[in-house]
């Protein structure tokens, strides 16, 4: 992937993260199940870290 593609992917992941975090906040407020949202956030954190790692590799070249 190019730097531009990775940056676009990172922006998309961050947007998803914020959306899911907001959904989770709403679920907590109404005492809903948040375990699914938590799992999605953990997965997204891993993906964000991986994209950031790839961006760092590109910038070092």
N, C-alpha and C. Protein backbone atom coordinates (compact mmCIF):
# COMPACT_ATOMS: atom_id res chain seq x y z
N UNK A 1 0.83 -1.19 0.00
CA UNK A 1 0.00 0.00 0.00
C UNK A 1 0.88 1.25 0.00
N UNK A 2 0.38 2.27 -0.64
CA UNK A 2 1.11 3.52 -0.66
C UNK A 2 0.82 4.30 0.62
N UNK A 3 1.62 5.33 0.83
CA UNK A 3 1.44 6.16 2.02
C UNK A 3 0.05 6.78 2.02
N UNK A 4 -0.41 7.22 0.85
CA UNK A 4 -1.73 7.84 0.73
C UNK A 4 -2.83 6.83 1.08
N UNK A 5 -2.70 5.61 0.59
CA UNK A 5 -3.68 4.56 0.89
C UNK A 5 -3.69 4.22 2.38
N UNK A 6 -2.50 4.14 2.97
CA UNK A 6 -2.42 3.85 4.40
C UNK A 6 -3.04 4.97 5.23
N UNK A 7 -2.81 6.21 4.83
CA UNK A 7 -3.38 7.35 5.55
C UNK A 7 -4.90 7.33 5.45
N UNK A 8 -5.43 6.98 4.27
CA UNK A 8 -6.88 6.88 4.09
C UNK A 8 -7.45 5.76 4.96
N UNK A 9 -6.74 4.63 5.01
CA UNK A 9 -7.17 3.51 5.85
C UNK A 9 -7.16 3.91 7.32
N UNK A 10 -6.13 4.64 7.74
CA UNK A 10 -6.03 5.09 9.11
C UNK A 10 -7.19 6.03 9.46
N UNK A 11 -7.50 6.94 8.56
CA UNK A 11 -8.63 7.85 8.78
C UNK A 11 -9.94 7.08 8.91
N UNK A 12 -10.11 6.07 8.08
CA UNK A 12 -11.32 5.24 8.13
C UNK A 12 -11.42 4.49 9.45
N UNK A 13 -10.31 3.91 9.88
CA UNK A 13 -10.29 3.17 11.14
C UNK A 13 -10.59 4.08 12.34
N UNK A 14 -9.99 5.26 12.32
CA UNK A 14 -10.24 6.21 13.40
C UNK A 14 -11.70 6.62 13.45
N UNK A 15 -12.30 6.83 12.29
CA UNK A 15 -13.71 7.19 12.21
C UNK A 15 -14.58 6.07 12.77
N UNK A 16 -14.27 4.84 12.39
CA UNK A 16 -15.01 3.69 12.91
C UNK A 16 -14.86 3.59 14.43
N UNK A 17 -13.66 3.84 14.91
CA UNK A 17 -13.39 3.76 16.34
C UNK A 17 -14.25 4.76 17.11
N UNK A 18 -14.29 5.99 16.62
CA UNK A 18 -15.07 7.03 17.30
C UNK A 18 -16.56 6.68 17.27
N UNK A 19 -17.03 6.16 16.13
CA UNK A 19 -18.44 5.79 16.02
C UNK A 19 -18.80 4.68 17.00
N UNK A 20 -17.97 3.65 17.06
CA UNK A 20 -18.24 2.52 17.95
C UNK A 20 -18.14 2.96 19.41
N UNK A 21 -17.18 3.81 19.70
CA UNK A 21 -17.04 4.31 21.07
C UNK A 21 -18.30 5.08 21.48
N UNK A 22 -18.84 5.87 20.57
CA UNK A 22 -20.07 6.60 20.85
C UNK A 22 -21.23 5.64 21.06
N UNK A 23 -21.32 4.62 20.22
CA UNK A 23 -22.36 3.62 20.38
C UNK A 23 -22.24 2.92 21.73
N UNK A 24 -21.01 2.62 22.13
CA UNK A 24 -20.78 1.95 23.40
C UNK A 24 -21.21 2.84 24.57
N UNK A 25 -20.92 4.13 24.46
CA UNK A 25 -21.34 5.07 25.51
C UNK A 25 -22.86 5.06 25.65
N UNK A 26 -23.55 5.02 24.52
CA UNK A 26 -25.02 4.99 24.55
C UNK A 26 -25.51 3.69 25.18
N UNK A 27 -24.87 2.58 24.82
CA UNK A 27 -25.25 1.29 25.40
C UNK A 27 -25.05 1.27 26.92
N UNK A 28 -23.93 1.83 27.36
CA UNK A 28 -23.67 1.89 28.80
C UNK A 28 -24.73 2.71 29.51
N UNK A 29 -25.16 3.79 28.88
CA UNK A 29 -26.14 4.69 29.47
C UNK A 29 -27.48 3.97 29.69
N UNK A 30 -27.86 3.13 28.73
CA UNK A 30 -29.12 2.40 28.87
C UNK A 30 -28.91 0.99 29.44
N UNK A 31 -27.72 0.77 29.98
CA UNK A 31 -27.36 -0.50 30.60
C UNK A 31 -27.46 -1.69 29.63
N UNK A 32 -27.03 -1.44 28.40
CA UNK A 32 -27.02 -2.49 27.39
C UNK A 32 -25.72 -3.28 27.44
N UNK A 33 -25.64 -4.30 26.61
CA UNK A 33 -24.42 -5.12 26.53
C UNK A 33 -23.36 -4.39 25.72
N UNK A 34 -22.21 -4.21 26.32
CA UNK A 34 -21.13 -3.49 25.65
C UNK A 34 -19.98 -4.40 25.23
N UNK A 35 -20.06 -5.68 25.53
CA UNK A 35 -18.95 -6.58 25.25
C UNK A 35 -18.62 -6.65 23.75
N UNK A 36 -19.63 -6.63 22.90
CA UNK A 36 -19.38 -6.67 21.46
C UNK A 36 -18.65 -5.41 21.01
N UNK A 37 -19.11 -4.26 21.49
CA UNK A 37 -18.46 -2.99 21.14
C UNK A 37 -17.03 -2.95 21.66
N UNK A 38 -16.82 -3.47 22.86
CA UNK A 38 -15.46 -3.49 23.41
C UNK A 38 -14.54 -4.33 22.53
N UNK A 39 -15.05 -5.47 22.09
CA UNK A 39 -14.26 -6.34 21.21
C UNK A 39 -13.91 -5.65 19.90
N UNK A 40 -14.86 -4.92 19.35
CA UNK A 40 -14.61 -4.19 18.11
C UNK A 40 -13.57 -3.10 18.33
N UNK A 41 -13.63 -2.42 19.46
CA UNK A 41 -12.64 -1.37 19.75
C UNK A 41 -11.24 -1.96 19.88
N UNK A 42 -11.15 -3.09 20.54
CA UNK A 42 -9.84 -3.75 20.70
C UNK A 42 -9.28 -4.14 19.34
N UNK A 43 -10.15 -4.69 18.47
CA UNK A 43 -9.71 -5.07 17.12
C UNK A 43 -9.23 -3.85 16.34
N UNK A 44 -10.01 -2.76 16.43
CA UNK A 44 -9.64 -1.54 15.71
C UNK A 44 -8.33 -0.96 16.23
N UNK A 45 -8.11 -1.02 17.54
CA UNK A 45 -6.84 -0.54 18.11
C UNK A 45 -5.67 -1.29 17.50
N UNK A 46 -5.82 -2.60 17.34
CA UNK A 46 -4.77 -3.40 16.72
C UNK A 46 -4.54 -3.01 15.27
N UNK A 47 -5.63 -2.80 14.54
CA UNK A 47 -5.50 -2.40 13.13
C UNK A 47 -4.86 -1.02 13.01
N UNK A 48 -5.26 -0.10 13.87
CA UNK A 48 -4.67 1.25 13.86
C UNK A 48 -3.17 1.17 14.14
N UNK A 49 -2.79 0.37 15.11
CA UNK A 49 -1.37 0.21 15.43
C UNK A 49 -0.60 -0.35 14.24
N UNK A 50 -1.19 -1.32 13.55
CA UNK A 50 -0.53 -1.93 12.40
C UNK A 50 -0.36 -0.93 11.26
N UNK A 51 -1.38 -0.14 10.99
CA UNK A 51 -1.28 0.86 9.92
C UNK A 51 -0.24 1.91 10.29
N UNK A 52 -0.23 2.32 11.56
CA UNK A 52 0.79 3.29 12.01
C UNK A 52 2.20 2.72 11.85
N UNK A 53 2.35 1.42 12.15
CA UNK A 53 3.66 0.77 11.99
C UNK A 53 4.09 0.80 10.52
N UNK A 54 3.15 0.49 9.63
CA UNK A 54 3.46 0.50 8.20
C UNK A 54 3.81 1.90 7.72
N UNK A 55 3.08 2.90 8.23
CA UNK A 55 3.40 4.29 7.86
C UNK A 55 4.80 4.67 8.34
N UNK A 56 5.16 4.24 9.54
CA UNK A 56 6.51 4.51 10.05
C UNK A 56 7.56 3.88 9.16
N UNK A 57 7.30 2.66 8.72
CA UNK A 57 8.26 1.97 7.84
C UNK A 57 8.44 2.74 6.53
N UNK A 58 7.35 3.23 5.96
CA UNK A 58 7.42 3.98 4.71
C UNK A 58 8.22 5.27 4.90
N UNK A 59 8.00 5.94 6.02
CA UNK A 59 8.68 7.22 6.28
C UNK A 59 10.17 7.01 6.54
N UNK A 60 10.56 5.84 7.02
CA UNK A 60 11.98 5.57 7.28
C UNK A 60 12.73 5.28 6.00
N UNK A 61 12.03 4.88 4.95
CA UNK A 61 12.70 4.52 3.69
C UNK A 61 13.20 5.73 2.95
